[in-house]
Amino acid sequence: MHHWRMTEMEKLHIMEQLRAEELCTKKARFYLTQTRDPAIQGLLQQCIDKGQRHISTLNNLLRDAGLSGMAAQH
């Protein structure tokens, strides 16, 4: 596997975004359990799915930069 160099600032920005995406997804999951409106449930599920894709992408960036251990430490 080819690793590319990531600056400390890039790593910090990715870690910050990863935490934000995880918090957003966590909140959407909570709100999903609180609503009975199918339209709102659908929108929240879309938010959760998109958040999971973003989390996966950010973790992949860290892994590809050789920082896979960092993804779990945030």
PDB file of N, CA and C in Angstrom:
ATOM      1  N   MET A   1       0.843  -1.176   0.000  1.00  0.00           N
ATOM      2  CA  MET A   1       0.000   0.000   0.000  1.00  0.00           C
ATOM      3  C   MET A   1       0.887   1.238   0.000  1.00  0.00           C
ATOM      4  N   HIS A   2       0.499   2.222  -0.759  1.00  0.00           N
ATOM      5  CA  HIS A   2       1.251   3.470  -0.843  1.00  0.00           C
ATOM      6  C   HIS A   2       0.722   4.468   0.180  1.00  0.00           C
ATOM      7  N   HIS A   3       1.605   4.952   1.023  1.00  0.00           N
ATOM      8  CA  HIS A   3       1.230   5.963   2.014  1.00  0.00           C
ATOM      9  C   HIS A   3       1.663   7.331   1.510  1.00  0.00           C
ATOM     10  N   TRP A   4       0.855   8.316   1.716  1.00  0.00           N
ATOM     11  CA  TRP A   4       1.214   9.685   1.381  1.00  0.00           C
ATOM     12  C   TRP A   4       1.373  10.468   2.660  1.00  0.00           C
ATOM     13  N   ARG A   5       2.136  11.506   2.576  1.00  0.00           N
ATOM     14  CA  ARG A   5       2.448  12.302   3.762  1.00  0.00           C
ATOM     15  C   ARG A   5       1.329  13.307   4.032  1.00  0.00           C
ATOM     16  N   MET A   6       0.906  13.350   5.280  1.00  0.00           N
ATOM     17  CA  MET A   6      -0.126  14.278   5.715  1.00  0.00           C
ATOM     18  C   MET A   6       0.502  15.211   6.741  1.00  0.00           C
ATOM     19  N   THR A   7       0.265  16.500   6.575  1.00  0.00           N
ATOM     20  CA  THR A   7       0.811  17.449   7.543  1.00  0.00           C
ATOM     21  C   THR A   7       0.046  17.329   8.862  1.00  0.00           C
ATOM     22  N   GLU A   8       0.644  17.837   9.898  1.00  0.00           N
ATOM     23  CA  GLU A   8      -0.002  17.820  11.211  1.00  0.00           C
ATOM     24  C   GLU A   8      -1.315  18.608  11.170  1.00  0.00           C
ATOM     25  N   MET A   9      -1.318  19.727  10.469  1.00  0.00           N
ATOM     26  CA  MET A   9      -2.530  20.545  10.361  1.00  0.00           C
ATOM     27  C   MET A   9      -3.633  19.786   9.616  1.00  0.00           C
ATOM     28  N   GLU A  10      -3.276  19.096   8.544  1.00  0.00           N
ATOM     29  CA  GLU A  10      -4.267  18.300   7.809  1.00  0.00           C
ATOM     30  C   GLU A  10      -4.842  17.212   8.706  1.00  0.00           C
ATOM     31  N   LYS A  11      -3.961  16.557   9.446  1.00  0.00           N
ATOM     32  CA  LYS A  11      -4.415  15.509  10.359  1.00  0.00           C
ATOM     33  C   LYS A  11      -5.382  16.085  11.395  1.00  0.00           C
ATOM     34  N   LEU A  12      -5.049  17.233  11.959  1.00  0.00           N
ATOM     35  CA  LEU A  12      -5.920  17.854  12.961  1.00  0.00           C
ATOM     36  C   LEU A  12      -7.276  18.231  12.374  1.00  0.00           C
ATOM     37  N   HIS A  13      -7.273  18.753  11.156  1.00  0.00           N
ATOM     38  CA  HIS A  13      -8.538  19.117  10.509  1.00  0.00           C
ATOM     39  C   HIS A  13      -9.395  17.882  10.238  1.00  0.00           C
ATOM     40  N   ILE A  14      -8.770  16.823   9.784  1.00  0.00           N
ATOM     41  CA  ILE A  14      -9.517  15.592   9.516  1.00  0.00           C
ATOM     42  C   ILE A  14     -10.062  15.012  10.811  1.00  0.00           C
ATOM     43  N   MET A  15      -9.257  15.016  11.859  1.00  0.00           N
ATOM     44  CA  MET A  15      -9.720  14.494  13.145  1.00  0.00           C
ATOM     45  C   MET A  15     -10.887  15.326  13.681  1.00  0.00           C
ATOM     46  N   GLU A  16     -10.803  16.644  13.538  1.00  0.00           N
ATOM     47  CA  GLU A  16     -11.881  17.524  13.986  1.00  0.00           C
ATOM     48  C   GLU A  16     -13.160  17.250  13.192  1.00  0.00           C
ATOM     49  N   GLN A  17     -13.022  17.092  11.884  1.00  0.00           N
ATOM     50  CA  GLN A  17     -14.188  16.805  11.051  1.00  0.00           C
ATOM     51  C   GLN A  17     -14.767  15.435  11.383  1.00  0.00           C
ATOM     52  N   LEU A  18     -13.907  14.479  11.670  1.00  0.00           N
ATOM     53  CA  LEU A  18     -14.364  13.145  12.047  1.00  0.00           C
ATOM     54  C   LEU A  18     -15.200  13.205  13.320  1.00  0.00           C
ATOM     55  N   ARG A  19     -14.734  13.934  14.308  1.00  0.00           N
ATOM     56  CA  ARG A  19     -15.509  14.085  15.551  1.00  0.00           C
ATOM     57  C   ARG A  19     -16.848  14.769  15.289  1.00  0.00           C
ATOM     58  N   ALA A  20     -16.847  15.781  14.437  1.00  0.00           N
ATOM     59  CA  ALA A  20     -18.088  16.493  14.117  1.00  0.00           C
ATOM     60  C   ALA A  20     -19.078  15.576  13.402  1.00  0.00           C
ATOM     61  N   GLU A  21     -18.599  14.790  12.461  1.00  0.00           N
ATOM     62  CA  GLU A  21     -19.478  13.862  11.734  1.00  0.00           C
ATOM     63  C   GLU A  21     -20.041  12.805  12.678  1.00  0.00           C
ATOM     64  N   GLU A  22     -19.209  12.313  13.592  1.00  0.00           N
ATOM     65  CA  GLU A  22     -19.685  11.307  14.546  1.00  0.00           C
ATOM     66  C   GLU A  22     -20.747  11.889  15.473  1.00  0.00           C
ATOM     67  N   LEU A  23     -20.546  13.121  15.923  1.00  0.00           N
ATOM     68  CA  LEU A  23     -21.530  13.763  16.788  1.00  0.00           C
ATOM     69  C   LEU A  23     -22.842  13.999  16.039  1.00  0.00           C
ATOM     70  N   CYS A  24     -22.747  14.466  14.822  1.00  0.00           N
ATOM     71  CA  CYS A  24     -23.939  14.713  14.009  1.00  0.00           C
ATOM     72  C   CYS A  24     -24.718  13.414  13.797  1.00  0.00           C
ATOM     73  N   THR A  25     -24.016  12.348  13.482  1.00  0.00           N
ATOM     74  CA  THR A  25     -24.660  11.056  13.266  1.00  0.00           C
ATOM     75  C   THR A  25     -25.291  10.548  14.553  1.00  0.00           C
ATOM     76  N   LYS A  26     -24.600  10.717  15.663  1.00  0.00           N
ATOM     77  CA  LYS A  26     -25.141  10.296  16.959  1.00  0.00           C
ATOM     78  C   LYS A  26     -26.435  11.043  17.279  1.00  0.00           C
ATOM     79  N   LYS A  27     -26.448  12.351  17.035  1.00  0.00           N
ATOM     80  CA  LYS A  27     -27.648  13.148  17.296  1.00  0.00           C
ATOM     81  C   LYS A  27     -28.794  12.731  16.378  1.00  0.00           C
ATOM     82  N   ALA A  28     -28.493  12.507  15.109  1.00  0.00           N
ATOM     83  CA  ALA A  28     -29.539  12.095  14.170  1.00  0.00           C
ATOM     84  C   ALA A  28     -30.132  10.751  14.584  1.00  0.00           C
ATOM     85  N   ARG A  29     -29.284   9.833  15.061  1.00  0.00           N
ATOM     86  CA  ARG A  29     -29.800   8.536  15.545  1.00  0.00           C
ATOM     87  C   ARG A  29     -30.735   8.739  16.738  1.00  0.00           C
ATOM     88  N   PHE A  30     -30.356   9.637  17.643  1.00  0.00           N
ATOM     89  CA  PHE A  30     -31.204   9.915  18.801  1.00  0.00           C
ATOM     90  C   PHE A  30     -32.544  10.489  18.351  1.00  0.00           C
ATOM     91  N   TYR A  31     -32.506  11.493  17.474  1.00  0.00           N
ATOM     92  CA  TYR A  31     -33.746  12.115  17.004  1.00  0.00           C
ATOM     93  C   TYR A  31     -34.616  11.114  16.253  1.00  0.00           C
ATOM     94  N   LEU A  32     -33.980  10.184  15.552  1.00  0.00           N
ATOM     95  CA  LEU A  32     -34.732   9.154  14.833  1.00  0.00           C
ATOM     96  C   LEU A  32     -35.573   8.324  15.797  1.00  0.00           C
ATOM     97  N   THR A  33     -35.032   8.069  16.988  1.00  0.00           N
ATOM     98  CA  THR A  33     -35.790   7.285  17.974  1.00  0.00           C
ATOM     99  C   THR A  33     -36.913   8.096  18.606  1.00  0.00           C
ATOM    100  N   GLN A  34     -36.876   9.415  18.463  1.00  0.00           N
ATOM    101  CA  GLN A  34     -37.847  10.285  19.124  1.00  0.00           C
ATOM    102  C   GLN A  34     -39.034  10.667  18.242  1.00  0.00           C
ATOM    103  N   THR A  35     -38.930  10.489  16.944  1.00  0.00           N
ATOM    104  CA  THR A  35     -39.995  10.939  16.050  1.00  0.00           C
ATOM    105  C   THR A  35     -40.826   9.774  15.532  1.00  0.00           C
ATOM    106  N   ARG A  36     -42.075  10.073  15.248  1.00  0.00           N
ATOM    107  CA  ARG A  36     -42.988   9.077  14.673  1.00  0.00           C
ATOM    108  C   ARG A  36     -43.362   9.438  13.237  1.00  0.00           C
ATOM    109  N   ASP A  37     -42.966  10.628  12.800  1.00  0.00           N
ATOM    110  CA  ASP A  37     -43.300  11.104  11.457  1.00  0.00           C
ATOM    111  C   ASP A  37     -42.414  10.391  10.427  1.00  0.00           C
ATOM    112  N   PRO A  38     -43.024   9.616   9.519  1.00  0.00           N
ATOM    113  CA  PRO A  38     -42.226   8.875   8.535  1.00  0.00           C
ATOM    114  C   PRO A  38     -41.364   9.772   7.643  1.00  0.00           C
ATOM    115  N   ALA A  39     -41.856  10.962   7.310  1.00  0.00           N
ATOM    116  CA  ALA A  39     -41.066  11.863   6.459  1.00  0.00           C
ATOM    117  C   ALA A  39     -39.808  12.324   7.189  1.00  0.00           C
ATOM    118  N   ILE A  40     -39.959  12.675   8.453  1.00  0.00           N
ATOM    119  CA  ILE A  40     -38.800  13.106   9.248  1.00  0.00           C
ATOM    120  C   ILE A  40     -37.869  11.926   9.489  1.00  0.00           C
ATOM    121  N   GLN A  41     -38.430  10.750   9.732  1.00  0.00           N
ATOM    122  CA  GLN A  41     -37.596   9.560   9.907  1.00  0.00           C
ATOM    123  C   GLN A  41     -36.750   9.311   8.660  1.00  0.00           C
ATOM    124  N   GLY A  42     -37.365   9.491   7.491  1.00  0.00           N
ATOM    125  CA  GLY A  42     -36.629   9.303   6.242  1.00  0.00           C
ATOM    126  C   GLY A  42     -35.489  10.292   6.091  1.00  0.00           C
ATOM    127  N   LEU A  43     -35.753  11.552   6.418  1.00  0.00           N
ATOM    128  CA  LEU A  43     -34.703  12.574   6.340  1.00  0.00           C
ATOM    129  C   LEU A  43     -33.573  12.293   7.324  1.00  0.00           C
ATOM    130  N   LEU A  44     -33.938  11.904   8.532  1.00  0.00           N
ATOM    131  CA  LEU A  44     -32.912  11.594   9.531  1.00  0.00           C
ATOM    132  C   LEU A  44     -32.082  10.391   9.102  1.00  0.00           C
ATOM    133  N   GLN A  45     -32.731   9.383   8.515  1.00  0.00           N
ATOM    134  CA  GLN A  45     -31.990   8.210   8.050  1.00  0.00           C
ATOM    135  C   GLN A  45     -31.021   8.599   6.940  1.00  0.00           C
ATOM    136  N   GLN A  46     -31.443   9.511   6.069  1.00  0.00           N
ATOM    137  CA  GLN A  46     -30.536  10.000   5.025  1.00  0.00           C
ATOM    138  C   GLN A  46     -29.329  10.703   5.644  1.00  0.00           C
ATOM    139  N   CYS A  47     -29.572  11.494   6.676  1.00  0.00           N
ATOM    140  CA  CYS A  47     -28.474  12.177   7.380  1.00  0.00           C
ATOM    141  C   CYS A  47     -27.518  11.164   8.004  1.00  0.00           C
ATOM    142  N   ILE A  48     -28.077  10.137   8.612  1.00  0.00           N
ATOM    143  CA  ILE A  48     -27.257   9.094   9.238  1.00  0.00           C
ATOM    144  C   ILE A  48     -26.411   8.387   8.185  1.00  0.00           C
ATOM    145  N   ASP A  49     -27.047   8.017   7.075  1.00  0.00           N
ATOM    146  CA  ASP A  49     -26.324   7.316   6.011  1.00  0.00           C
ATOM    147  C   ASP A  49     -25.199   8.177   5.443  1.00  0.00           C
ATOM    148  N   LYS A  50     -25.491   9.451   5.203  1.00  0.00           N
ATOM    149  CA  LYS A  50     -24.473  10.351   4.666  1.00  0.00           C
ATOM    150  C   LYS A  50     -23.347  10.545   5.685  1.00  0.00           C
ATOM    151  N   GLY A  51     -23.700  10.683   6.947  1.00  0.00           N
ATOM    152  CA  GLY A  51     -22.692  10.821   7.990  1.00  0.00           C
ATOM    153  C   GLY A  51     -21.783   9.607   8.055  1.00  0.00           C
ATOM    154  N   GLN A  52     -22.365   8.419   7.928  1.00  0.00           N
ATOM    155  CA  GLN A  52     -21.563   7.189   7.953  1.00  0.00           C
ATOM    156  C   GLN A  52     -20.603   7.145   6.767  1.00  0.00           C
ATOM    157  N   ARG A  53     -21.066   7.599   5.608  1.00  0.00           N
ATOM    158  CA  ARG A  53     -20.172   7.646   4.438  1.00  0.00           C
ATOM    159  C   ARG A  53     -19.027   8.629   4.680  1.00  0.00           C
ATOM    160  N   HIS A  54     -19.347   9.773   5.263  1.00  0.00           N
ATOM    161  CA  HIS A  54     -18.302  10.760   5.560  1.00  0.00           C
ATOM    162  C   HIS A  54     -17.296  10.206   6.571  1.00  0.00           C
ATOM    163  N   ILE A  55     -17.795   9.546   7.612  1.00  0.00           N
ATOM    164  CA  ILE A  55     -16.920   8.949   8.625  1.00  0.00           C
ATOM    165  C   ILE A  55     -15.999   7.918   7.985  1.00  0.00           C
ATOM    166  N   SER A  56     -16.561   7.096   7.124  1.00  0.00           N
ATOM    167  CA  SER A  56     -15.763   6.081   6.440  1.00  0.00           C
ATOM    168  C   SER A  56     -14.685   6.727   5.569  1.00  0.00           C
ATOM    169  N   THR A  57     -15.055   7.766   4.841  1.00  0.00           N
ATOM    170  CA  THR A  57     -14.099   8.463   3.981  1.00  0.00           C
ATOM    171  C   THR A  57     -12.971   9.085   4.797  1.00  0.00           C
ATOM    172  N   LEU A  58     -13.315   9.734   5.897  1.00  0.00           N
ATOM    173  CA  LEU A  58     -12.297  10.358   6.746  1.00  0.00           C
ATOM    174  C   LEU A  58     -11.372   9.308   7.355  1.00  0.00           C
ATOM    175  N   ASN A  59     -11.942   8.199   7.815  1.00  0.00           N
ATOM    176  CA  ASN A  59     -11.112   7.117   8.353  1.00  0.00           C
ATOM    177  C   ASN A  59     -10.199   6.548   7.275  1.00  0.00           C
ATOM    178  N   ASN A  60     -10.708   6.435   6.041  1.00  0.00           N
ATOM    179  CA  ASN A  60      -9.881   5.945   4.938  1.00  0.00           C
ATOM    180  C   ASN A  60      -8.732   6.904   4.641  1.00  0.00           C
ATOM    181  N   LEU A  61      -8.987   8.201   4.708  1.00  0.00           N
ATOM    182  CA  LEU A  61      -7.909   9.179   4.507  1.00  0.00           C
ATOM    183  C   LEU A  61      -6.802   8.989   5.538  1.00  0.00           C
ATOM    184  N   LEU A  62      -7.201   8.822   6.779  1.00  0.00           N
ATOM    185  CA  LEU A  62      -6.209   8.611   7.840  1.00  0.00           C
ATOM    186  C   LEU A  62      -5.460   7.299   7.629  1.00  0.00           C
ATOM    187  N   ARG A  63      -6.180   6.259   7.273  1.00  0.00           N
ATOM    188  CA  ARG A  63      -5.545   4.956   7.042  1.00  0.00           C
ATOM    189  C   ARG A  63      -4.575   5.033   5.871  1.00  0.00           C
ATOM    190  N   ASP A  64      -5.005   5.666   4.774  1.00  0.00           N
ATOM    191  CA  ASP A  64      -4.148   5.760   3.589  1.00  0.00           C
ATOM    192  C   ASP A  64      -2.897   6.587   3.850  1.00  0.00           C
ATOM    193  N   ALA A  65      -2.969   7.476   4.823  1.00  0.00           N
ATOM    194  CA  ALA A  65      -1.799   8.279   5.192  1.00  0.00           C
ATOM    195  C   ALA A  65      -0.933   7.560   6.227  1.00  0.00           C
ATOM    196  N   GLY A  66      -1.302   6.308   6.533  1.00  0.00           N
ATOM    197  CA  GLY A  66      -0.527   5.540   7.497  1.00  0.00           C
ATOM    198  C   GLY A  66      -0.854   5.880   8.928  1.00  0.00           C
ATOM    199  N   LEU A  67      -2.029   6.460   9.152  1.00  0.00           N
ATOM    200  CA  LEU A  67      -2.426   6.886  10.491  1.00  0.00           C
ATOM    201  C   LEU A  67      -3.651   6.121  10.970  1.00  0.00           C
ATOM    202  N   SER A  68      -3.748   4.868  10.610  1.00  0.00           N
ATOM    203  CA  SER A  68      -4.954   4.106  10.957  1.00  0.00           C
ATOM    204  C   SER A  68      -5.160   4.024  12.458  1.00  0.00           C
ATOM    205  N   GLY A  69      -4.098   4.004  13.227  1.00  0.00           N
ATOM    206  CA  GLY A  69      -4.245   3.988  14.675  1.00  0.00           C
ATOM    207  C   GLY A  69      -4.849   5.272  15.204  1.00  0.00           C
ATOM    208  N   MET A  70      -4.650   6.365  14.471  1.00  0.00           N
ATOM    209  CA  MET A  70      -5.173   7.665  14.893  1.00  0.00           C
ATOM    210  C   MET A  70      -6.690   7.712  14.782  1.00  0.00           C
ATOM    211  N   ALA A  71      -7.250   7.019  13.813  1.00  0.00           N
ATOM    212  CA  ALA A  71      -8.695   7.080  13.589  1.00  0.00           C
ATOM    213  C   ALA A  71      -9.458   6.575  14.799  1.00  0.00           C
ATOM    214  N   ALA A  72      -8.920   5.593  15.470  1.00  0.00           N
ATOM    215  CA  ALA A  72      -9.608   5.025  16.633  1.00  0.00           C
ATOM    216  C   ALA A  72      -9.318   5.805  17.909  1.00  0.00           C
ATOM    217  N   GLN A  73      -8.322   6.688  17.891  1.00  0.00           N
ATOM    218  CA  GLN A  73      -7.915   7.383  19.109  1.00  0.00           C
ATOM    219  C   GLN A  73      -8.608   8.706  19.323  1.00  0.00           C
ATOM    220  N   HIS A  74      -9.316   9.216  18.345  1.00  0.00           N
ATOM    221  CA  HIS A  74      -9.913  10.537  18.484  1.00  0.00           C
ATOM    222  C   HIS A  74     -10.886  10.521  19.615  1.00  0.00           C
TER     223      HIS A  74
END
